């Protein structure tokens, strides 16, 4: 188990967004969280990556506490411990968030060098390996505006992989891609999982979830309605809210 979320609550301006969210992610597992817009899916990713602080709940990353619940209040790790935890997490945003003024290579090495103080030589060597793995070697000196949507997505994944995270979080990784490019992203995600990375995937793309996920969580109105294997989810769909979502 590389990630454990217990009793997670979050509200914005008094409106509950997450209500008692509980789940686990294992090493090498691909977990898809699906649901309508506003169900709280992206908020979970942001809490796990400490971009948003939860109101209550416990988040464990590789047996380290990012935050721990104590009598209804979450207490967060101190900065040195938080830095260790951050190194174990990779996040790919829905809109890629590449730096437009930086080359592909510079996008990948920026955080390792400037945030985590890795030497430039080590960062470049790692980035070169990632570009080769993702079939982007010839794009190292290109800029984001010169890339296709699929190439931008793979660069974003390479950037997130640059610190060898234990957990990769992807927010709608196929939303900006043509259907023919989705298979390449699916294969990339599967390769990362085969190397032992836990994959947490947010998606509206039911075909993509069915293609790549091993386990599925369905959320509605900030709560987990169903958590089961991919086969159980797509074969049964007993819950009326799930049937309604699938039928949209």
Protein backbone atom coordinates (compact mmCIF):
# COMPACT_ATOMS: atom_id res chain seq x y z
CA UNK A 1 0.00 0.00 0.00
CA UNK A 2 1.56 3.31 -1.13
CA UNK A 3 -1.43 5.59 -0.43
CA UNK A 4 -4.12 5.50 2.23
CA UNK A 5 -6.87 8.12 2.54
CA UNK A 6 -9.15 8.03 5.59
CA UNK A 7 -12.10 10.21 6.53
CA UNK A 8 -11.28 13.02 4.12
CA UNK A 9 -13.51 16.10 4.31
CA UNK A 10 -13.21 19.39 2.44
CA UNK A 11 -15.51 22.39 2.04
CA UNK A 12 -15.18 25.57 0.02
CA UNK A 13 -17.02 28.66 1.35
CA UNK A 14 -19.16 26.41 3.51
CA UNK A 15 -20.13 24.07 0.68
CA UNK A 16 -19.07 20.44 1.29
CA UNK A 17 -16.97 19.07 -1.59
CA UNK A 18 -15.58 15.89 0.00
CA UNK A 19 -17.50 13.86 2.59
CA UNK A 20 -15.77 11.02 4.42
CA UNK A 21 -13.65 9.78 1.52
CA UNK A 22 -11.74 6.53 2.17
CA UNK A 23 -9.61 4.44 -0.20
CA UNK A 24 -6.21 2.82 -0.68
CA UNK A 25 -3.82 2.50 -3.60
CA UNK A 26 -1.36 -0.37 -3.90
CA UNK A 27 2.05 -0.52 -5.54
CA UNK A 28 1.69 -0.98 -9.30
CA UNK A 29 -2.10 -0.53 -9.16
CA UNK A 30 -4.08 1.68 -11.58
CA UNK A 31 -7.09 3.22 -9.83
CA UNK A 32 -9.59 5.34 -11.78
CA UNK A 33 -11.86 7.81 -9.99
CA UNK A 34 -14.86 8.69 -12.12
CA UNK A 35 -17.98 10.80 -11.71
CA UNK A 36 -19.70 13.93 -12.90
CA UNK A 37 -18.10 17.37 -12.88
CA UNK A 38 -18.21 18.76 -9.36
CA UNK A 39 -18.19 15.34 -7.69
CA UNK A 40 -14.94 16.16 -5.88
CA UNK A 41 -12.52 14.07 -7.95
CA UNK A 42 -9.93 16.76 -8.66
CA UNK A 43 -10.14 18.05 -5.08
CA UNK A 44 -8.95 14.64 -3.91
CA UNK A 45 -5.86 14.93 -6.13
CA UNK A 46 -5.18 18.43 -4.90
CA UNK A 47 -5.45 17.33 -1.26
CA UNK A 48 -3.10 14.39 -1.83
CA UNK A 49 -0.56 16.72 -3.47
CA UNK A 50 -0.93 19.35 -0.71
CA UNK A 51 -2.22 21.97 -3.15
CA UNK A 52 -5.36 22.19 -1.02
CA UNK A 53 -5.53 21.44 2.69
CA UNK A 54 -8.38 19.24 3.87
CA UNK A 55 -10.64 20.18 6.76
CA UNK A 56 -10.45 16.73 8.37
CA UNK A 57 -8.90 13.42 7.51
CA UNK A 58 -5.69 11.41 7.25
CA UNK A 59 -3.49 10.96 4.18
CA UNK A 60 -0.61 8.47 4.31
CA UNK A 61 1.99 8.27 1.54
CA UNK A 62 4.36 5.30 1.78
CA UNK A 63 3.60 5.02 5.52
CA UNK A 64 4.40 8.70 6.11
CA UNK A 65 1.66 11.06 7.24
CA UNK A 66 1.06 13.98 4.92
CA UNK A 67 -1.70 14.86 7.35
CA UNK A 68 -3.18 13.08 10.35
CA UNK A 69 -6.67 13.47 11.83
CA UNK A 70 -6.83 14.21 15.55
CA UNK A 71 -10.27 14.77 17.07
CA UNK A 72 -11.75 16.10 13.83
CA UNK A 73 -8.83 18.28 12.77
CA UNK A 74 -5.99 17.50 10.33
CA UNK A 75 -2.42 18.22 11.39
CA UNK A 76 0.11 18.42 8.56
CA UNK A 77 3.68 17.16 8.30
CA UNK A 78 6.48 19.60 9.12
CA UNK A 79 8.39 21.05 6.10
CA UNK A 80 11.31 18.55 6.15
CA UNK A 81 8.91 15.60 6.26
CA UNK A 82 6.62 17.22 3.69
CA UNK A 83 9.55 17.54 1.27
CA UNK A 84 10.20 13.80 1.54
CA UNK A 85 6.53 13.10 0.88
CA UNK A 86 6.39 15.49 -2.10
CA UNK A 87 9.22 13.56 -3.75
CA UNK A 88 7.02 10.47 -3.72
CA UNK A 89 4.19 12.19 -5.60
CA UNK A 90 3.88 13.07 -9.28
CA UNK A 91 1.02 15.16 -10.64
CA UNK A 92 -0.03 15.71 -14.26
CA UNK A 93 -2.54 18.54 -14.65
CA UNK A 94 -5.45 18.44 -17.08
CA UNK A 95 -4.03 21.33 -19.14
CA UNK A 96 -0.39 20.09 -18.86
CA UNK A 97 0.91 23.32 -17.22
CA UNK A 98 4.15 23.26 -19.21
CA UNK A 99 6.30 26.38 -19.07
CA UNK A 100 5.88 27.94 -22.55
CA UNK A 101 9.24 29.77 -22.45
CA UNK A 102 11.20 26.59 -21.66
CA UNK A 103 12.27 23.75 -23.93
CA UNK A 104 10.99 20.24 -23.31
CA UNK A 105 14.23 19.30 -21.56
CA UNK A 106 14.20 22.41 -19.37
CA UNK A 107 10.57 21.75 -18.39
CA UNK A 108 11.57 18.32 -17.12
CA UNK A 109 14.70 19.33 -15.19
CA UNK A 110 13.38 22.57 -13.66
CA UNK A 111 11.80 21.10 -10.50
CA UNK A 112 14.50 18.50 -9.75
CA UNK A 113 17.20 21.21 -9.89
CA UNK A 114 15.47 24.22 -8.35
CA UNK A 115 13.07 22.62 -5.89
CA UNK A 116 14.78 19.39 -4.85
CA UNK A 117 18.41 20.49 -5.40
CA UNK A 118 19.39 17.61 -7.69
CA UNK A 119 22.54 18.30 -9.71
CA UNK A 120 21.99 19.45 -13.27
CA UNK A 121 23.97 16.49 -14.65
CA UNK A 122 21.82 13.99 -12.76
CA UNK A 123 18.61 15.79 -13.76
CA UNK A 124 19.57 15.90 -17.44
CA UNK A 125 20.54 12.21 -17.44
CA UNK A 126 17.20 11.26 -15.91
CA UNK A 127 15.31 13.52 -18.32
CA UNK A 128 17.11 11.99 -21.30
CA UNK A 129 16.13 8.50 -20.16
CA UNK A 130 12.51 9.58 -19.75
CA UNK A 131 12.38 11.20 -23.18
CA UNK A 132 13.70 8.01 -24.71
CA UNK A 133 11.17 5.89 -22.82
CA UNK A 134 8.32 8.13 -24.01
CA UNK A 135 9.58 8.36 -27.61
CA UNK A 136 10.32 12.08 -27.32
CA UNK A 137 14.11 12.15 -27.76
CA UNK A 138 13.85 14.29 -30.90
CA UNK A 139 11.72 16.87 -29.03
CA UNK A 140 14.22 17.70 -26.26
CA UNK A 141 14.97 21.17 -27.65
CA UNK A 142 11.43 21.89 -28.85
CA UNK A 143 9.06 24.28 -27.10
CA UNK A 144 5.49 23.44 -26.00
CA UNK A 145 3.89 25.41 -28.86
CA UNK A 146 5.69 23.11 -31.31
CA UNK A 147 4.17 19.93 -29.83
CA UNK A 148 0.95 18.06 -30.47
CA UNK A 149 -1.51 17.41 -27.65
CA UNK A 150 -0.26 13.86 -27.22
CA UNK A 151 3.36 15.02 -27.10
CA UNK A 152 2.53 17.69 -24.51
CA UNK A 153 0.81 15.05 -22.38
CA UNK A 154 3.86 12.77 -22.55
CA UNK A 155 6.18 15.66 -21.65
CA UNK A 156 3.95 16.41 -18.64
CA UNK A 157 4.20 12.75 -17.62
CA UNK A 158 7.98 12.82 -18.07
CA UNK A 159 8.21 15.92 -15.90
CA UNK A 160 6.15 14.22 -13.18
CA UNK A 161 8.36 11.11 -13.42
CA UNK A 162 11.60 13.05 -13.09
CA UNK A 163 11.80 12.43 -9.33
CA UNK A 164 10.90 8.73 -9.49
CA UNK A 165 7.62 9.12 -7.60
CA UNK A 166 5.89 6.16 -6.00
CA UNK A 167 2.49 7.60 -6.95
CA UNK A 168 1.46 9.25 -10.21
CA UNK A 169 -1.70 11.37 -10.16
CA UNK A 170 -3.27 12.22 -13.52
CA UNK A 171 -6.17 14.63 -13.91
CA UNK A 172 -8.18 13.91 -17.07
CA UNK A 173 -5.14 12.74 -19.09
CA UNK A 174 -7.14 12.21 -22.30
CA UNK A 175 -9.35 15.32 -22.23
CA UNK A 176 -7.26 17.22 -24.78
CA UNK A 177 -6.41 14.25 -26.97
CA UNK A 178 -7.87 12.83 -30.15
CA UNK A 179 -9.12 9.23 -29.79
CA UNK A 180 -6.20 7.81 -31.76
CA UNK A 181 -3.72 9.32 -29.27
CA UNK A 182 -5.36 7.83 -26.19
CA UNK A 183 -3.92 4.37 -26.75
CA UNK A 184 -0.41 5.77 -26.50
CA UNK A 185 -1.19 7.41 -23.15
CA UNK A 186 -2.82 4.18 -21.94
CA UNK A 187 0.31 2.23 -22.84
CA UNK A 188 2.49 4.79 -21.04
CA UNK A 189 0.39 4.54 -17.88
CA UNK A 190 0.54 0.74 -18.00
CA UNK A 191 4.33 0.85 -18.38
CA UNK A 192 4.66 3.06 -15.31
CA UNK A 193 2.46 0.70 -13.29
CA UNK A 194 4.50 -2.30 -14.42
CA UNK A 195 7.57 -0.56 -12.99
CA UNK A 196 5.83 -0.45 -9.60
CA UNK A 197 4.30 3.03 -9.65
CA UNK A 198 0.84 3.45 -8.15
CA UNK A 199 -1.42 5.31 -10.60
CA UNK A 200 -4.34 7.47 -9.45
CA UNK A 201 -6.36 8.55 -12.46
CA UNK A 202 -9.22 11.06 -12.68
CA UNK A 203 -11.28 10.71 -15.84
CA UNK A 204 -14.65 11.28 -17.51
CA UNK A 205 -13.58 8.99 -20.35
CA UNK A 206 -15.35 5.71 -19.64
CA UNK A 207 -13.68 3.87 -22.50
CA UNK A 208 -10.28 4.97 -21.23
CA UNK A 209 -11.11 3.86 -17.67
CA UNK A 210 -12.29 0.51 -18.99
CA UNK A 211 -9.11 0.17 -21.05
CA UNK A 212 -6.51 1.02 -18.42
CA UNK A 213 -7.88 0.82 -14.85
CA UNK A 214 -7.67 -2.17 -12.55
CA UNK A 215 -9.95 -0.72 -9.88
CA UNK A 216 -12.69 1.92 -10.16
CA UNK A 217 -14.14 4.40 -7.67
CA UNK A 218 -17.39 6.15 -8.58
CA UNK A 219 -18.04 9.47 -6.83
CA UNK A 220 -21.16 11.58 -6.62
CA UNK A 221 -21.70 14.76 -4.58
CA UNK A 222 -18.42 14.40 -2.73
CA UNK A 223 -18.91 10.80 -1.64
CA UNK A 224 -17.66 7.43 -2.83
CA UNK A 225 -20.73 5.56 -4.05
CA UNK A 226 -18.97 2.43 -5.32
CA UNK A 227 -15.45 0.97 -5.17
CA UNK A 228 -14.74 -2.30 -6.94
CA UNK A 229 -12.68 -4.00 -9.63
CA UNK A 230 -13.04 -2.77 -13.20
CA UNK A 231 -14.81 -5.98 -14.18
CA UNK A 232 -17.36 -5.68 -11.36
CA UNK A 233 -18.00 -2.02 -12.13
CA UNK A 234 -18.61 -2.32 -15.85
CA UNK A 235 -20.39 -5.68 -15.70
CA UNK A 236 -22.94 -4.97 -12.98
CA UNK A 237 -23.55 -1.21 -12.53
CA UNK A 238 -26.29 -1.98 -10.00
CA UNK A 239 -26.42 1.49 -8.52
CA UNK A 240 -28.94 3.82 -10.20
CA UNK A 241 -26.62 6.83 -9.95
CA UNK A 242 -23.91 4.88 -11.76
CA UNK A 243 -26.36 3.74 -14.44
CA UNK A 244 -27.45 7.33 -14.95
CA UNK A 245 -23.83 8.53 -15.28
CA UNK A 246 -22.86 5.75 -17.69
CA UNK A 247 -25.92 6.48 -19.81
CA UNK A 248 -25.06 10.16 -20.27
